[in-house]
N, C-alpha and C. Protein backbone atom coordinates (compact mmCIF):
# COMPACT_ATOMS: atom_id res chain seq x y z
N UNK A 1 -19.81 11.67 30.65
CA UNK A 1 -18.76 12.64 30.43
C UNK A 1 -17.52 11.87 30.01
N UNK A 2 -16.74 12.48 29.15
CA UNK A 2 -15.51 11.83 28.69
C UNK A 2 -14.31 12.30 29.52
N UNK A 3 -13.25 11.55 29.42
CA UNK A 3 -12.01 11.93 30.09
C UNK A 3 -11.48 13.26 29.54
N UNK A 4 -11.64 13.46 28.26
CA UNK A 4 -11.20 14.71 27.63
C UNK A 4 -11.97 15.91 28.18
N UNK A 5 -13.28 15.76 28.39
CA UNK A 5 -14.08 16.84 28.96
C UNK A 5 -13.61 17.18 30.37
N UNK A 6 -13.27 16.18 31.15
CA UNK A 6 -12.75 16.42 32.50
C UNK A 6 -11.46 17.22 32.44
N UNK A 7 -10.60 16.88 31.50
CA UNK A 7 -9.35 17.62 31.32
C UNK A 7 -9.62 19.06 30.91
N UNK A 8 -10.58 19.26 30.02
CA UNK A 8 -10.92 20.62 29.57
C UNK A 8 -11.48 21.47 30.71
N UNK A 9 -12.10 20.85 31.70
CA UNK A 9 -12.63 21.58 32.85
C UNK A 9 -11.52 22.02 33.82
N UNK A 10 -10.30 21.56 33.60
CA UNK A 10 -9.19 21.98 34.44
C UNK A 10 -8.84 21.03 35.57
N UNK A 11 -9.38 19.84 35.56
CA UNK A 11 -9.02 18.85 36.57
C UNK A 11 -7.60 18.37 36.31
N UNK A 12 -6.87 18.08 37.38
CA UNK A 12 -5.52 17.55 37.22
C UNK A 12 -5.54 16.04 37.41
N UNK A 13 -4.73 15.37 36.64
CA UNK A 13 -4.66 13.91 36.69
C UNK A 13 -3.80 13.49 37.88
N UNK A 14 -4.27 12.49 38.62
CA UNK A 14 -3.53 11.92 39.74
C UNK A 14 -3.28 10.45 39.42
N UNK A 15 -2.02 10.08 39.29
CA UNK A 15 -1.66 8.70 39.00
C UNK A 15 -1.36 7.96 40.30
N UNK A 16 -1.91 6.77 40.43
CA UNK A 16 -1.70 5.94 41.62
C UNK A 16 -0.97 4.68 41.17
N UNK A 17 0.19 4.46 41.75
CA UNK A 17 0.97 3.28 41.38
C UNK A 17 0.42 2.05 42.10
N UNK A 18 0.71 0.89 41.58
CA UNK A 18 0.17 -0.36 42.10
C UNK A 18 0.48 -0.55 43.58
N UNK A 19 1.68 -0.24 43.99
CA UNK A 19 2.04 -0.46 45.39
C UNK A 19 1.33 0.49 46.35
N UNK A 20 0.77 1.60 45.84
CA UNK A 20 0.09 2.57 46.69
C UNK A 20 -1.34 2.19 47.02
N UNK A 21 -2.04 1.57 46.10
CA UNK A 21 -3.45 1.39 46.38
C UNK A 21 -4.15 0.30 45.61
N UNK A 22 -3.45 -0.66 45.08
CA UNK A 22 -4.14 -1.69 44.35
C UNK A 22 -3.18 -2.64 43.68
N UNK A 23 -3.73 -3.48 42.88
CA UNK A 23 -2.90 -4.48 42.22
C UNK A 23 -2.30 -3.98 40.92
N UNK A 24 -2.81 -2.90 40.38
CA UNK A 24 -2.25 -2.33 39.17
C UNK A 24 -2.45 -0.82 39.19
N UNK A 25 -1.67 -0.07 38.42
CA UNK A 25 -1.79 1.38 38.45
C UNK A 25 -3.11 1.85 37.84
N UNK A 26 -3.58 2.97 38.34
CA UNK A 26 -4.79 3.60 37.81
C UNK A 26 -4.66 5.11 37.99
N UNK A 27 -5.62 5.87 37.48
CA UNK A 27 -5.60 7.32 37.66
C UNK A 27 -7.02 7.83 37.85
N UNK A 28 -7.08 9.04 38.38
CA UNK A 28 -8.34 9.75 38.51
C UNK A 28 -8.03 11.23 38.34
N UNK A 29 -9.05 12.06 38.35
CA UNK A 29 -8.87 13.50 38.19
C UNK A 29 -9.40 14.22 39.41
N UNK A 30 -8.73 15.31 39.79
CA UNK A 30 -9.12 16.06 40.98
C UNK A 30 -9.09 17.56 40.68
N UNK A 31 -10.03 18.27 41.29
CA UNK A 31 -10.10 19.73 41.17
C UNK A 31 -10.23 20.28 42.58
N UNK A 32 -9.19 20.95 43.05
CA UNK A 32 -9.18 21.52 44.40
C UNK A 32 -9.80 22.91 44.33
N UNK A 33 -10.92 23.10 44.99
CA UNK A 33 -11.61 24.39 45.00
C UNK A 33 -10.99 25.28 46.06
N UNK A 34 -10.86 24.74 47.25
CA UNK A 34 -10.20 25.41 48.36
C UNK A 34 -9.79 24.31 49.34
N UNK A 35 -9.01 24.65 50.34
CA UNK A 35 -8.58 23.64 51.29
C UNK A 35 -9.78 22.94 51.90
N UNK A 36 -9.80 21.63 51.77
CA UNK A 36 -10.88 20.83 52.33
C UNK A 36 -12.09 20.65 51.43
N UNK A 37 -12.10 21.30 50.27
CA UNK A 37 -13.22 21.16 49.34
C UNK A 37 -12.68 20.89 47.94
N UNK A 38 -12.95 19.68 47.46
CA UNK A 38 -12.47 19.33 46.12
C UNK A 38 -13.47 18.39 45.45
N UNK A 39 -13.30 18.30 44.14
CA UNK A 39 -14.10 17.39 43.32
C UNK A 39 -13.17 16.32 42.79
N UNK A 40 -13.70 15.11 42.60
CA UNK A 40 -12.90 13.98 42.16
C UNK A 40 -13.68 13.17 41.13
N UNK A 41 -12.97 12.63 40.16
CA UNK A 41 -13.61 11.75 39.19
C UNK A 41 -13.60 10.31 39.71
N UNK A 42 -14.30 9.46 38.99
CA UNK A 42 -14.17 8.04 39.28
C UNK A 42 -12.78 7.58 38.84
N UNK A 43 -12.38 6.40 39.25
CA UNK A 43 -11.06 5.87 38.94
C UNK A 43 -11.06 5.21 37.56
N UNK A 44 -9.92 5.25 36.90
CA UNK A 44 -9.80 4.69 35.56
C UNK A 44 -10.00 3.18 35.53
N UNK A 45 -9.82 2.51 36.67
CA UNK A 45 -9.99 1.06 36.69
C UNK A 45 -11.45 0.63 36.91
N UNK A 46 -12.36 1.58 37.10
CA UNK A 46 -13.77 1.23 37.22
C UNK A 46 -14.34 0.96 35.83
N UNK A 47 -15.24 0.01 35.74
CA UNK A 47 -15.78 -0.39 34.44
C UNK A 47 -16.41 0.78 33.69
N UNK A 48 -17.15 1.64 34.40
CA UNK A 48 -17.80 2.76 33.71
C UNK A 48 -16.77 3.68 33.06
N UNK A 49 -15.64 3.91 33.71
CA UNK A 49 -14.60 4.75 33.12
C UNK A 49 -13.98 4.05 31.91
N UNK A 50 -13.78 2.76 32.01
CA UNK A 50 -13.23 2.00 30.89
C UNK A 50 -14.19 2.04 29.70
N UNK A 51 -15.47 2.18 29.97
CA UNK A 51 -16.48 2.30 28.92
C UNK A 51 -16.63 3.74 28.42
N UNK A 52 -15.84 4.68 28.98
CA UNK A 52 -15.89 6.08 28.55
C UNK A 52 -16.91 6.91 29.29
N UNK A 53 -17.48 6.39 30.36
CA UNK A 53 -18.50 7.10 31.13
C UNK A 53 -17.89 7.56 32.46
N UNK A 54 -17.28 8.72 32.42
CA UNK A 54 -16.67 9.30 33.61
C UNK A 54 -17.69 10.17 34.33
N UNK A 55 -17.52 10.31 35.64
CA UNK A 55 -18.38 11.21 36.41
C UNK A 55 -17.54 11.92 37.48
N UNK A 56 -18.14 12.96 38.05
CA UNK A 56 -17.48 13.80 39.05
C UNK A 56 -18.32 13.78 40.32
N UNK A 57 -17.66 13.77 41.47
CA UNK A 57 -18.36 13.85 42.75
C UNK A 57 -17.52 14.67 43.72
N UNK A 58 -18.17 15.16 44.77
CA UNK A 58 -17.43 15.82 45.83
C UNK A 58 -16.56 14.79 46.51
N UNK A 59 -15.33 15.16 46.81
CA UNK A 59 -14.40 14.27 47.48
C UNK A 59 -14.66 14.32 48.99
N UNK A 60 -14.51 13.20 49.64
CA UNK A 60 -14.61 13.11 51.11
C UNK A 60 -15.97 13.50 51.66
N UNK A 61 -17.03 13.04 51.05
CA UNK A 61 -18.36 13.25 51.60
C UNK A 61 -19.00 11.91 51.89
N UNK A 62 -19.82 11.86 52.91
CA UNK A 62 -20.46 10.60 53.26
C UNK A 62 -21.56 10.22 52.29
N UNK A 63 -22.25 11.21 51.75
CA UNK A 63 -23.30 10.98 50.76
C UNK A 63 -22.82 11.49 49.40
N UNK A 64 -22.71 10.61 48.41
CA UNK A 64 -22.19 11.08 47.13
C UNK A 64 -23.17 11.97 46.37
N UNK A 65 -22.64 13.03 45.81
CA UNK A 65 -23.38 13.90 44.90
C UNK A 65 -22.63 13.78 43.58
N UNK A 66 -23.25 13.13 42.60
CA UNK A 66 -22.55 12.74 41.38
C UNK A 66 -23.05 13.55 40.19
N UNK A 67 -22.11 14.01 39.36
CA UNK A 67 -22.42 14.77 38.15
C UNK A 67 -21.93 13.98 36.94
N UNK A 68 -22.80 13.82 35.95
CA UNK A 68 -22.45 13.06 34.76
C UNK A 68 -22.29 13.93 33.52
N UNK A 69 -22.68 15.19 33.58
CA UNK A 69 -22.65 16.07 32.41
C UNK A 69 -21.63 17.19 32.61
N UNK A 70 -20.84 17.43 31.57
CA UNK A 70 -19.81 18.47 31.62
C UNK A 70 -20.42 19.83 31.94
N UNK A 71 -21.56 20.13 31.35
CA UNK A 71 -22.20 21.44 31.55
C UNK A 71 -22.56 21.67 33.02
N UNK A 72 -23.02 20.64 33.70
CA UNK A 72 -23.38 20.76 35.12
C UNK A 72 -22.14 21.00 35.97
N UNK A 73 -21.05 20.31 35.66
CA UNK A 73 -19.81 20.50 36.41
C UNK A 73 -19.26 21.90 36.16
N UNK A 74 -19.31 22.36 34.90
CA UNK A 74 -18.83 23.70 34.57
C UNK A 74 -19.62 24.76 35.34
N UNK A 75 -20.92 24.61 35.39
CA UNK A 75 -21.77 25.55 36.13
C UNK A 75 -21.43 25.53 37.62
N UNK A 76 -21.24 24.36 38.18
CA UNK A 76 -20.86 24.24 39.59
C UNK A 76 -19.52 24.91 39.85
N UNK A 77 -18.54 24.64 39.00
CA UNK A 77 -17.21 25.25 39.17
C UNK A 77 -17.28 26.77 39.07
N UNK A 78 -18.05 27.27 38.12
CA UNK A 78 -18.21 28.73 37.99
C UNK A 78 -18.78 29.33 39.27
N UNK A 79 -19.80 28.70 39.81
CA UNK A 79 -20.43 29.20 41.04
C UNK A 79 -19.46 29.14 42.21
N UNK A 80 -18.76 28.04 42.37
CA UNK A 80 -17.84 27.89 43.50
C UNK A 80 -16.64 28.83 43.37
N UNK A 81 -16.14 29.01 42.19
CA UNK A 81 -14.98 29.89 41.98
C UNK A 81 -15.39 31.36 42.26
N UNK A 82 -16.59 31.76 41.85
CA UNK A 82 -17.05 33.11 42.12
C UNK A 82 -17.24 33.34 43.62
N UNK A 83 -17.64 32.32 44.34
CA UNK A 83 -17.88 32.45 45.77
C UNK A 83 -16.57 32.62 46.56
N UNK A 84 -15.45 32.22 45.97
CA UNK A 84 -14.16 32.33 46.65
C UNK A 84 -13.68 33.76 46.76
N UNK A 85 -14.10 34.63 45.87
CA UNK A 85 -13.55 36.01 45.87
C UNK A 85 -14.29 36.92 46.81
């Protein structure tokens, strides 16, 4: 998945400054579904992201569930958003 596809899905960019969490600034994308349930991309400083291979996973889970295709993330978001109403 590309960074542009993540943006098109409605994820918001989160910038992390060097003093907050590392030796240099980086960013990731987050989609808050509801309080306590969100999706997060890999970080821009990871090699796969630098190579243009972004992925999405549930945030704050002990076992990662990773999505690599925009269509799968879109389907998941549609299902989760419909369940909220």
